[in-house]
Amino acid sequence: MSGALLAGTAGAPPTAAAPAARTAPASGTTDRQFHDELERLATELVDAGAPGVIVRVADGRGRPAEIVRQAPWAAREQRLAAGDEFRMGSNTKTMMATLVLQLVAEGELSLADPVEKWLPGEVPGGDAITLRMLLNHTSGLPDYTQDPAVLPSILGKDERRWTSRELLAVGVRRDPLFPPGTRWSYSNTDYAAVGAVLEGVTGTSLAALVRDRITRPLGLEHTYFATGSPWRGRYAHGYEPDAAHMPDAVPEQFRDVAGARRGTHVDVSANDPGWGGAAGAMVSTAREWARFSSALLSGELLPAAQMAELRRTVPMDPERPQDGPGAGLGIETGDTPCGTVWAHEGGMTGYSSTSYSDRAGRRSAVVLVPTEFLFEFQADPELVAADEALRTAAVCAMFGKPAPGARPTRAQPPAHGPRTGAGQDG
């Protein structure tokens, strides 16, 4: 899974993005000038090598704008649609943190509980690691996805069903990175432990907890915790370059991904995402994840006291402890050129996802790209730059502002440079 969002395809030659169905902006929604810029940048991302992209932006003033672009070679497999199910990777952590905070509100858990209380003997030094430290990545636990035992599952070559406790056991067999609570470091092992605690204290599966406490109350029909490789509805196909076309910047051990061959790519959408567990196994759509984010940040899912805990942050960048990005509980915050966002991202083999909201949950932006390794390892600078430009523009459109460097239109004066730290958070 991808690391922090705010801490700071090869093979097929770039071709013009295929036209795809899209929702044009209605009166009172994302301005035409922003919509046109998003269309242009989405096309440039596909031209740079992405198999496709789904962009959804809601500025809180009307119907959201949705844009879909897809490479012609991928469109021959299946046409990408705005409502397609998508593997959300580490965005899962936001939902797991919500479940923990609901149980805190009900008196079943406390953020000050030591891990040892709920998982006795399973985490070395667990008496000094609290649930809060797991949720905000200050536990010092190493990341289980760095262990060779999990690599075959990441590559789709091992279909074993990992349990939360099994993933946790892999993560803790290496030495801690630092004493608990002394610094921040992103670790999927933190959320393997969270999953194990949730299952233990409730006696219920994570899939059932998500269904009963979040997706069913919100009416989310295509959002679920994956318990196997099958999808429930129409879904986005995810791709990675095949071994012969994987860039040199991708580590050797990650270059041979299992899946159906599609020209110079491999379709990984039939691979089992179970290795993500509580750290990354959620499936959703751009529309439904925006609905979840809005419900969370508006206080629909949590009482005020737990919302305050969700937003209580620790510094993510030791060089910028006061004005740098911050990690809350399952969510991150930081300044962008157009405003302050609350956000998370996800990376699951074949799937990259980013979700942004303002503080109140009135505005949102979701960007979904069906490939991952080229971003994870910064392996294609042109693709990475195109992705960053699109995400910046999506956030700025969410706030009703032109992105720095956006091409002016008749309705939009030239931008006068970035407004870093504008602080607009709704």
Protein backbone atom coordinates (compact mmCIF):
# COMPACT_ATOMS: atom_id res chain seq x y z
CA MET A 1 0.00 0.00 0.00
CA SER A 2 1.10 3.54 -0.61
CA GLY A 3 2.59 5.56 2.15
CA ALA A 4 1.68 9.03 3.21
CA LEU A 5 -0.18 11.29 0.85
CA LEU A 6 1.07 14.61 2.18
CA ALA A 7 4.67 13.81 3.25
CA GLY A 8 6.19 15.99 0.94
CA THR A 9 2.11 3.02 -18.69
CA ALA A 10 5.46 1.96 -19.61
CA GLY A 11 5.23 -0.58 -22.37
CA ALA A 12 2.35 0.81 -24.37
CA PRO A 13 3.41 3.95 -26.20
CA PRO A 14 1.44 7.08 -25.30
CA THR A 15 -1.59 7.47 -27.51
CA ALA A 16 -4.48 9.85 -27.51
CA ALA A 17 -6.96 9.11 -24.76
CA ALA A 18 -10.16 7.50 -25.93
CA PRO A 19 -13.30 9.58 -25.38
CA ALA A 20 -15.43 8.27 -22.56
CA ALA A 21 -18.81 8.99 -21.05
CA ARG A 22 -18.70 11.91 -18.68
CA THR A 23 -21.04 14.13 -16.71
CA ALA A 24 -20.82 17.72 -17.87
CA PRO A 25 -21.11 20.41 -15.21
CA ALA A 26 -24.61 21.61 -14.48
CA SER A 27 -25.52 25.14 -13.52
CA GLY A 28 -24.17 25.80 -10.05
CA THR A 29 -21.58 23.02 -10.09
CA THR A 30 -17.85 23.01 -10.82
CA ASP A 31 -17.21 25.95 -13.17
CA ARG A 32 -16.72 25.25 -16.85
CA GLN A 33 -13.18 26.64 -16.73
CA PHE A 34 -12.17 24.16 -14.04
CA HIS A 35 -13.95 21.31 -15.77
CA ASP A 36 -12.10 22.00 -19.02
CA GLU A 37 -8.77 22.08 -17.19
CA LEU A 38 -9.52 18.77 -15.49
CA GLU A 39 -10.43 17.21 -18.83
CA ARG A 40 -7.17 18.41 -20.33
CA LEU A 41 -5.06 17.11 -17.46
CA ALA A 42 -6.89 13.79 -17.37
CA THR A 43 -6.15 13.36 -21.06
CA GLU A 44 -2.49 14.25 -20.49
CA LEU A 45 -2.25 11.65 -17.73
CA VAL A 46 -3.52 8.95 -20.08
CA ASP A 47 -1.27 10.20 -22.87
CA ALA A 48 1.65 9.86 -20.41
CA GLY A 49 0.91 6.15 -20.02
CA ALA A 50 -1.91 5.66 -17.49
CA PRO A 51 -4.46 3.01 -18.54
CA GLY A 52 -7.24 5.40 -17.53
CA VAL A 53 -8.47 7.78 -14.86
CA ILE A 54 -11.68 8.66 -13.05
CA VAL A 55 -11.96 12.15 -11.56
CA ARG A 56 -14.85 13.34 -9.41
CA VAL A 57 -14.99 16.85 -7.96
CA ALA A 58 -17.72 18.35 -5.79
CA ASP A 59 -17.40 22.02 -4.84
CA GLY A 60 -20.46 22.00 -2.58
CA ARG A 61 -22.56 24.13 -4.91
CA GLY A 62 -24.35 21.65 -7.13
CA ARG A 63 -23.96 18.45 -9.07
CA PRO A 64 -20.41 17.07 -8.96
CA ALA A 65 -18.29 16.96 -12.09
CA GLU A 66 -17.16 13.54 -13.27
CA ILE A 67 -14.52 12.94 -15.92
CA VAL A 68 -13.38 9.60 -17.33
CA ARG A 69 -10.47 9.07 -19.70
CA GLN A 70 -9.02 5.78 -20.89
CA ALA A 71 -6.22 4.55 -23.12
CA PRO A 72 -7.56 2.94 -26.32
CA TRP A 73 -5.80 -0.36 -25.59
CA ALA A 74 -7.53 -0.59 -22.20
CA ALA A 75 -10.88 0.49 -23.64
CA ARG A 76 -10.81 -2.55 -25.91
CA GLU A 77 -11.02 -4.71 -22.77
CA GLN A 78 -13.81 -2.77 -21.07
CA ARG A 79 -14.92 0.83 -21.14
CA LEU A 80 -14.10 2.57 -17.88
CA ALA A 81 -17.09 4.24 -16.21
CA ALA A 82 -17.40 6.82 -13.44
CA GLY A 83 -19.30 4.42 -11.19
CA ASP A 84 -16.96 1.44 -11.51
CA GLU A 85 -15.88 -0.37 -8.35
CA PHE A 86 -12.25 0.26 -7.50
CA ARG A 87 -9.77 -1.16 -4.99
CA MET A 88 -9.19 1.68 -2.52
CA GLY A 89 -5.99 0.39 -0.90
CA SER A 90 -4.86 2.39 2.11
CA ASN A 91 -7.93 4.61 2.07
CA THR A 92 -9.25 1.62 4.02
CA LYS A 93 -7.45 3.02 7.06
CA THR A 94 -9.86 5.94 7.29
CA MET A 95 -12.77 3.52 7.56
CA MET A 96 -11.01 1.34 10.14
CA ALA A 97 -10.25 4.40 12.27
CA THR A 98 -13.92 5.36 12.06
CA LEU A 99 -14.91 1.94 13.41
CA VAL A 100 -12.47 2.26 16.31
CA LEU A 101 -13.77 5.73 17.17
CA GLN A 102 -17.37 4.50 17.09
CA LEU A 103 -16.43 1.85 19.65
CA VAL A 104 -14.63 4.49 21.71
CA ALA A 105 -17.81 6.57 21.73
CA GLU A 106 -19.72 3.51 22.94
CA GLY A 107 -17.26 2.85 25.73
CA GLU A 108 -15.98 -0.43 24.28
CA LEU A 109 -12.48 0.90 23.61
CA SER A 110 -10.26 3.75 24.72
CA LEU A 111 -7.61 5.40 22.57
CA ALA A 112 -5.31 5.10 25.58
CA ASP A 113 -5.72 1.32 25.74
CA PRO A 114 -2.38 -0.46 25.38
CA VAL A 115 -2.24 -3.00 22.57
CA GLU A 116 -1.29 -5.59 25.18
CA LYS A 117 -4.77 -5.30 26.69
CA TRP A 118 -6.44 -6.58 23.53
CA LEU A 119 -3.65 -8.60 21.91
CA PRO A 120 -1.73 -10.06 24.84
CA GLY A 121 1.70 -11.32 23.85
CA GLU A 122 1.22 -10.59 20.13
CA VAL A 123 3.09 -7.27 19.88
CA PRO A 124 6.54 -6.92 21.48
CA GLY A 125 6.42 -3.90 23.76
CA GLY A 126 2.65 -3.79 23.34
CA ASP A 127 2.17 -2.45 26.85
CA ALA A 128 3.73 0.86 25.68
CA ILE A 129 1.84 1.08 22.36
CA THR A 130 -1.67 2.56 22.53
CA LEU A 131 -4.53 2.33 20.07
CA ARG A 132 -3.98 6.01 19.31
CA MET A 133 -0.39 5.27 18.29
CA LEU A 134 -1.58 2.57 15.91
CA LEU A 135 -4.13 4.88 14.33
CA ASN A 136 -1.73 7.81 13.81
CA HIS A 137 1.36 5.73 12.91
CA THR A 138 3.51 6.62 15.91
CA SER A 139 3.85 3.03 17.21
CA GLY A 140 7.28 2.36 15.72
CA LEU A 141 6.12 -0.97 14.29
CA PRO A 142 7.79 -1.91 10.97
CA ASP A 143 5.64 -2.35 7.86
CA TYR A 144 4.61 -5.91 7.03
CA THR A 145 4.48 -5.13 3.31
CA GLN A 146 8.29 -4.87 3.39
CA ASP A 147 8.58 -8.52 4.42
CA PRO A 148 9.38 -11.08 1.66
CA ALA A 149 6.66 -13.39 3.01
CA VAL A 150 3.94 -11.05 1.73
CA LEU A 151 5.52 -10.30 -1.66
CA PRO A 152 3.95 -13.29 -3.52
CA SER A 153 0.51 -12.08 -2.44
CA ILE A 154 1.26 -8.50 -3.53
CA LEU A 155 2.27 -9.86 -6.95
CA GLY A 156 -0.85 -12.03 -7.19
CA LYS A 157 1.10 -15.30 -7.06
CA ASP A 158 -0.16 -16.48 -3.67
CA GLU A 159 -3.91 -16.62 -3.09
CA ARG A 160 -3.70 -17.37 0.63
CA ARG A 161 -6.24 -15.65 2.87
CA TRP A 162 -4.24 -13.61 5.34
CA THR A 163 -5.85 -12.89 8.69
CA SER A 164 -5.24 -9.70 10.66
CA ARG A 165 -3.22 -11.64 13.21
CA GLU A 166 -1.10 -13.32 10.54
CA LEU A 167 -0.24 -9.98 8.94
CA LEU A 168 0.51 -8.54 12.35
CA ALA A 169 2.81 -11.46 13.16
CA VAL A 170 4.77 -10.81 9.96
CA GLY A 171 5.10 -7.12 10.79
CA VAL A 172 6.35 -7.51 14.34
CA ARG A 173 9.04 -10.10 13.71
CA ARG A 174 11.45 -7.31 12.86
CA ASP A 175 12.79 -4.85 15.42
CA PRO A 176 10.78 -1.68 16.14
CA LEU A 177 11.84 1.43 14.24
CA PHE A 178 11.79 3.71 17.29
CA PRO A 179 10.34 3.88 20.82
CA PRO A 180 6.52 4.15 20.77
CA GLY A 181 5.16 7.67 20.52
CA THR A 182 8.45 9.40 19.71
CA ARG A 183 7.94 10.04 15.99
CA TRP A 184 5.77 9.28 12.97
CA SER A 185 6.34 6.53 10.38
CA TYR A 186 3.71 5.06 8.07
CA SER A 187 3.16 1.36 8.73
CA ASN A 188 0.54 -1.04 7.45
CA THR A 189 1.30 -3.23 10.47
CA ASP A 190 -0.39 -0.60 12.65
CA TYR A 191 -3.68 -1.33 10.92
CA ALA A 192 -3.21 -5.10 10.92
CA ALA A 193 -3.16 -4.66 14.70
CA VAL A 194 -6.21 -2.38 14.52
CA GLY A 195 -8.06 -5.04 12.53
CA ALA A 196 -7.17 -7.71 15.07
CA VAL A 197 -8.39 -5.48 17.93
CA LEU A 198 -11.67 -4.72 16.15
CA GLU A 199 -12.32 -8.39 15.49
CA GLY A 200 -11.39 -9.36 19.02
CA VAL A 201 -13.42 -6.77 20.91
CA THR A 202 -16.56 -7.21 18.79
CA GLY A 203 -16.37 -10.89 17.88
CA THR A 204 -17.38 -9.78 14.38
CA SER A 205 -15.59 -9.83 11.02
CA LEU A 206 -14.27 -6.62 9.53
CA ALA A 207 -16.55 -7.09 6.53
CA ALA A 208 -19.61 -7.25 8.79
CA LEU A 209 -18.48 -4.27 10.87
CA VAL A 210 -18.04 -2.15 7.75
CA ARG A 211 -21.41 -3.26 6.40
CA ASP A 212 -23.42 -2.81 9.58
CA ARG A 213 -21.84 0.36 10.93
CA ILE A 214 -20.97 2.34 7.81
CA THR A 215 -22.04 1.19 4.35
CA ARG A 216 -25.58 0.03 5.11
CA PRO A 217 -26.50 3.15 7.15
CA LEU A 218 -25.10 5.36 4.37
CA GLY A 219 -26.74 3.36 1.58
CA LEU A 220 -23.44 2.49 -0.09
CA GLU A 221 -24.14 -0.48 -2.37
CA HIS A 222 -20.70 -0.80 -3.98
CA THR A 223 -18.50 -0.22 -0.95
CA TYR A 224 -17.33 -3.31 0.93
CA PHE A 225 -14.42 -4.99 2.66
CA ALA A 226 -13.11 -7.54 0.15
CA THR A 227 -13.01 -11.09 1.46
CA GLY A 228 -11.75 -12.60 -1.78
CA SER A 229 -10.93 -11.78 -5.39
CA PRO A 230 -14.52 -11.60 -6.80
CA TRP A 231 -16.09 -8.20 -7.31
CA ARG A 232 -19.73 -7.48 -6.53
CA GLY A 233 -20.52 -5.22 -9.45
CA ARG A 234 -19.06 -3.66 -12.56
CA TYR A 235 -15.42 -2.84 -11.82
CA ALA A 236 -12.38 -1.02 -13.14
CA HIS A 237 -9.71 -3.33 -14.52
CA GLY A 238 -6.31 -2.63 -12.96
CA TYR A 239 -3.03 -3.01 -14.82
CA GLU A 240 0.72 -3.14 -14.34
CA PRO A 241 3.36 -3.30 -17.09
CA ASP A 242 4.52 -6.84 -17.80
CA ALA A 243 8.02 -7.88 -16.74
CA ALA A 244 9.55 -7.01 -20.11
CA HIS A 245 8.17 -3.46 -20.01
CA MET A 246 8.51 -2.61 -16.32
CA PRO A 247 10.87 0.38 -15.88
CA ASP A 248 14.27 -0.19 -14.32
CA ALA A 249 13.31 2.04 -11.40
CA VAL A 250 10.86 -0.62 -10.20
CA PRO A 251 12.78 -3.01 -7.90
CA GLU A 252 13.56 -6.35 -9.49
CA GLN A 253 11.39 -8.31 -7.07
CA PHE A 254 8.28 -6.34 -8.08
CA ARG A 255 8.58 -6.64 -11.86
CA ASP A 256 6.86 -9.96 -12.53
CA VAL A 257 3.17 -9.50 -11.67
CA ALA A 258 0.65 -12.31 -12.11
CA GLY A 259 -2.45 -11.80 -14.23
CA ALA A 260 -3.92 -12.01 -17.71
CA ARG A 261 -1.64 -10.62 -20.42
CA ARG A 262 -2.99 -7.57 -22.25
CA GLY A 263 -0.37 -6.58 -24.80
CA THR A 264 2.48 -5.02 -22.85
CA HIS A 265 0.45 -5.02 -19.62
CA VAL A 266 -0.94 -7.49 -17.11
CA ASP A 267 -4.57 -7.28 -15.95
CA VAL A 268 -4.43 -7.80 -12.16
CA SER A 269 -8.11 -7.30 -11.40
CA ALA A 270 -8.67 -11.02 -10.71
CA ASN A 271 -5.90 -11.12 -8.10
CA ASP A 272 -6.87 -11.42 -4.43
CA PRO A 273 -6.47 -8.17 -2.42
CA GLY A 274 -6.66 -10.03 0.89
CA TRP A 275 -3.06 -9.17 1.81
CA GLY A 276 -4.29 -5.62 2.34
CA GLY A 277 -6.51 -6.63 5.24
CA ALA A 278 -7.52 -3.82 7.60
CA ALA A 279 -4.79 -1.71 6.01
CA GLY A 280 -6.09 -1.85 2.45
CA ALA A 281 -8.85 -4.29 1.39
CA MET A 282 -11.76 -1.88 0.86
CA VAL A 283 -13.54 -1.63 -2.49
CA SER A 284 -15.64 1.39 -3.41
CA THR A 285 -16.42 3.86 -6.19
CA ALA A 286 -15.50 7.51 -6.63
CA ARG A 287 -19.07 8.54 -5.82
CA GLU A 288 -19.49 6.34 -2.78
CA TRP A 289 -16.12 7.11 -1.25
CA ALA A 290 -16.91 10.82 -1.54
CA ARG A 291 -20.18 10.12 0.24
CA PHE A 292 -18.35 8.30 3.04
CA SER A 293 -15.81 11.11 3.41
CA SER A 294 -18.57 13.69 3.55
CA ALA A 295 -20.46 11.70 6.18
CA LEU A 296 -17.33 11.28 8.27
CA LEU A 297 -16.07 14.85 8.21
CA SER A 298 -19.51 16.38 8.66
CA GLY A 299 -19.98 14.43 11.89
CA GLU A 300 -22.64 12.06 10.59
CA LEU A 301 -20.71 8.95 11.69
CA LEU A 302 -19.03 10.15 14.90
CA PRO A 303 -19.93 12.30 17.91
CA ALA A 304 -18.14 15.62 18.38
CA ALA A 305 -15.66 14.28 20.94
CA GLN A 306 -14.48 11.54 18.57
CA MET A 307 -14.36 13.98 15.65
CA ALA A 308 -11.95 16.08 17.71
CA GLU A 309 -9.79 13.01 18.27
CA LEU A 310 -9.89 12.16 14.55
CA ARG A 311 -8.54 15.62 13.75
CA ARG A 312 -5.90 15.72 16.50
CA THR A 313 -2.67 15.48 14.53
CA VAL A 314 0.99 14.67 14.97
CA PRO A 315 3.72 16.04 12.67
CA MET A 316 4.58 13.83 9.71
CA ASP A 317 7.65 15.79 8.61
CA PRO A 318 10.28 16.23 11.36
CA GLU A 319 11.70 19.19 9.44
CA ARG A 320 8.34 20.99 9.58
CA PRO A 321 6.75 20.12 12.91
CA GLN A 322 4.65 23.30 13.10
CA ASP A 323 3.59 24.10 9.55
CA GLY A 324 4.01 20.73 7.81
CA PRO A 325 1.46 18.00 7.14
CA GLY A 326 -0.17 16.25 10.05
CA ALA A 327 -1.46 12.74 10.66
CA GLY A 328 -4.77 12.39 12.42
CA LEU A 329 -6.48 9.07 13.11
CA GLY A 330 -6.72 7.30 9.76
CA ILE A 331 -6.57 10.58 7.90
CA GLU A 332 -4.00 13.25 7.04
CA THR A 333 -4.14 17.00 6.65
CA GLY A 334 -2.01 19.64 5.05
CA ASP A 335 -1.97 22.78 2.95
CA THR A 336 -2.23 22.69 -0.83
CA PRO A 337 -1.84 25.66 -3.18
CA CYS A 338 -5.60 26.25 -2.97
CA GLY A 339 -6.62 25.27 0.54
CA THR A 340 -6.25 22.91 3.48
CA VAL A 341 -7.38 19.35 2.85
CA TRP A 342 -8.17 16.25 4.89
CA ALA A 343 -7.13 13.30 2.80
CA HIS A 344 -5.74 9.84 2.30
CA GLU A 345 -4.44 7.83 -0.61
CA GLY A 346 -4.29 4.17 -1.48
CA GLY A 347 -2.01 1.95 -3.50
CA MET A 348 -2.95 -1.65 -4.25
CA THR A 349 -1.35 -3.57 -7.12
CA GLY A 350 -3.05 -2.15 -10.22
CA TYR A 351 -4.98 0.55 -8.36
CA SER A 352 -4.07 4.06 -7.16
CA SER A 353 -6.64 6.18 -5.35
CA THR A 354 -6.66 9.60 -3.72
CA SER A 355 -9.46 11.19 -1.72
CA TYR A 356 -9.59 14.81 -0.54
CA SER A 357 -12.18 16.75 1.47
CA ASP A 358 -12.42 20.08 3.18
CA ARG A 359 -12.71 20.16 6.96
CA ALA A 360 -16.50 20.13 6.99
CA GLY A 361 -16.94 17.49 4.28
CA ARG A 362 -18.83 19.86 1.97
CA ARG A 363 -16.28 19.72 -0.82
CA SER A 364 -14.46 16.66 -2.15
CA ALA A 365 -12.17 15.42 -4.89
CA VAL A 366 -11.44 11.80 -5.78
CA VAL A 367 -8.86 10.67 -8.36
CA LEU A 368 -8.66 6.98 -9.32
CA VAL A 369 -5.97 5.60 -11.65
CA PRO A 370 -5.94 1.86 -12.51
CA THR A 371 -2.19 1.28 -12.14
CA GLU A 372 0.15 1.58 -9.16
CA PHE A 373 3.78 0.48 -9.32
CA LEU A 374 4.90 3.34 -11.57
CA PHE A 375 3.65 5.77 -8.90
CA GLU A 376 4.75 3.74 -5.88
CA PHE A 377 8.36 3.63 -7.05
CA GLN A 378 8.38 6.99 -8.88
CA ALA A 379 9.36 4.91 -11.90
CA ASP A 380 7.94 7.11 -14.65
CA PRO A 381 8.65 10.82 -14.02
CA GLU A 382 6.34 12.00 -16.81
CA LEU A 383 3.45 9.94 -15.46
CA VAL A 384 4.10 11.04 -11.88
CA ALA A 385 4.20 14.70 -12.93
CA ALA A 386 0.95 14.37 -14.89
CA ASP A 387 -0.71 12.71 -11.91
CA GLU A 388 0.43 15.43 -9.52
CA ALA A 389 -0.83 18.13 -11.88
CA LEU A 390 -4.24 16.48 -12.14
CA ARG A 391 -4.57 15.99 -8.39
CA THR A 392 -3.59 19.61 -7.71
CA ALA A 393 -6.15 20.83 -10.23
CA ALA A 394 -8.85 18.60 -8.72
CA VAL A 395 -8.23 20.02 -5.24
CA CYS A 396 -8.21 23.58 -6.56
CA ALA A 397 -11.46 23.00 -8.47
CA MET A 398 -12.92 21.62 -5.23
CA PHE A 399 -12.17 25.00 -3.63
CA GLY A 400 -13.29 26.96 -6.70
CA LYS A 401 -9.80 28.25 -7.45
CA PRO A 402 -7.57 27.99 -10.51
CA ALA A 403 -4.63 25.66 -10.07
CA PRO A 404 -1.17 27.25 -10.19
CA GLY A 405 -0.03 27.21 -13.80
CA ALA A 406 -3.50 26.43 -15.16
CA ARG A 407 -4.04 27.50 -18.73
CA PRO A 408 -6.24 30.61 -18.76
CA THR A 409 -9.54 30.66 -20.63
CA ARG A 410 -11.75 33.59 -21.50
CA ALA A 411 -13.54 33.05 -18.19
CA GLN A 412 -10.35 32.65 -16.15
CA PRO A 413 -7.60 35.25 -15.68
CA PRO A 414 -4.02 34.00 -15.57
CA ALA A 415 -2.98 32.55 -12.24
CA HIS A 416 -0.42 34.57 -10.28
CA GLY A 417 1.55 31.73 -8.80
CA PRO A 418 0.76 29.33 -6.02
CA ARG A 419 -1.02 30.45 -2.88
CA THR A 420 0.62 27.93 -0.60
CA GLY A 421 -0.98 27.68 2.82
CA ALA A 422 -4.13 29.53 1.79
CA GLY A 423 -5.80 27.76 4.68
CA GLN A 424 -9.29 27.58 3.18
CA ASP A 425 -10.81 24.50 4.74
CA GLY A 426 -14.49 25.22 4.80
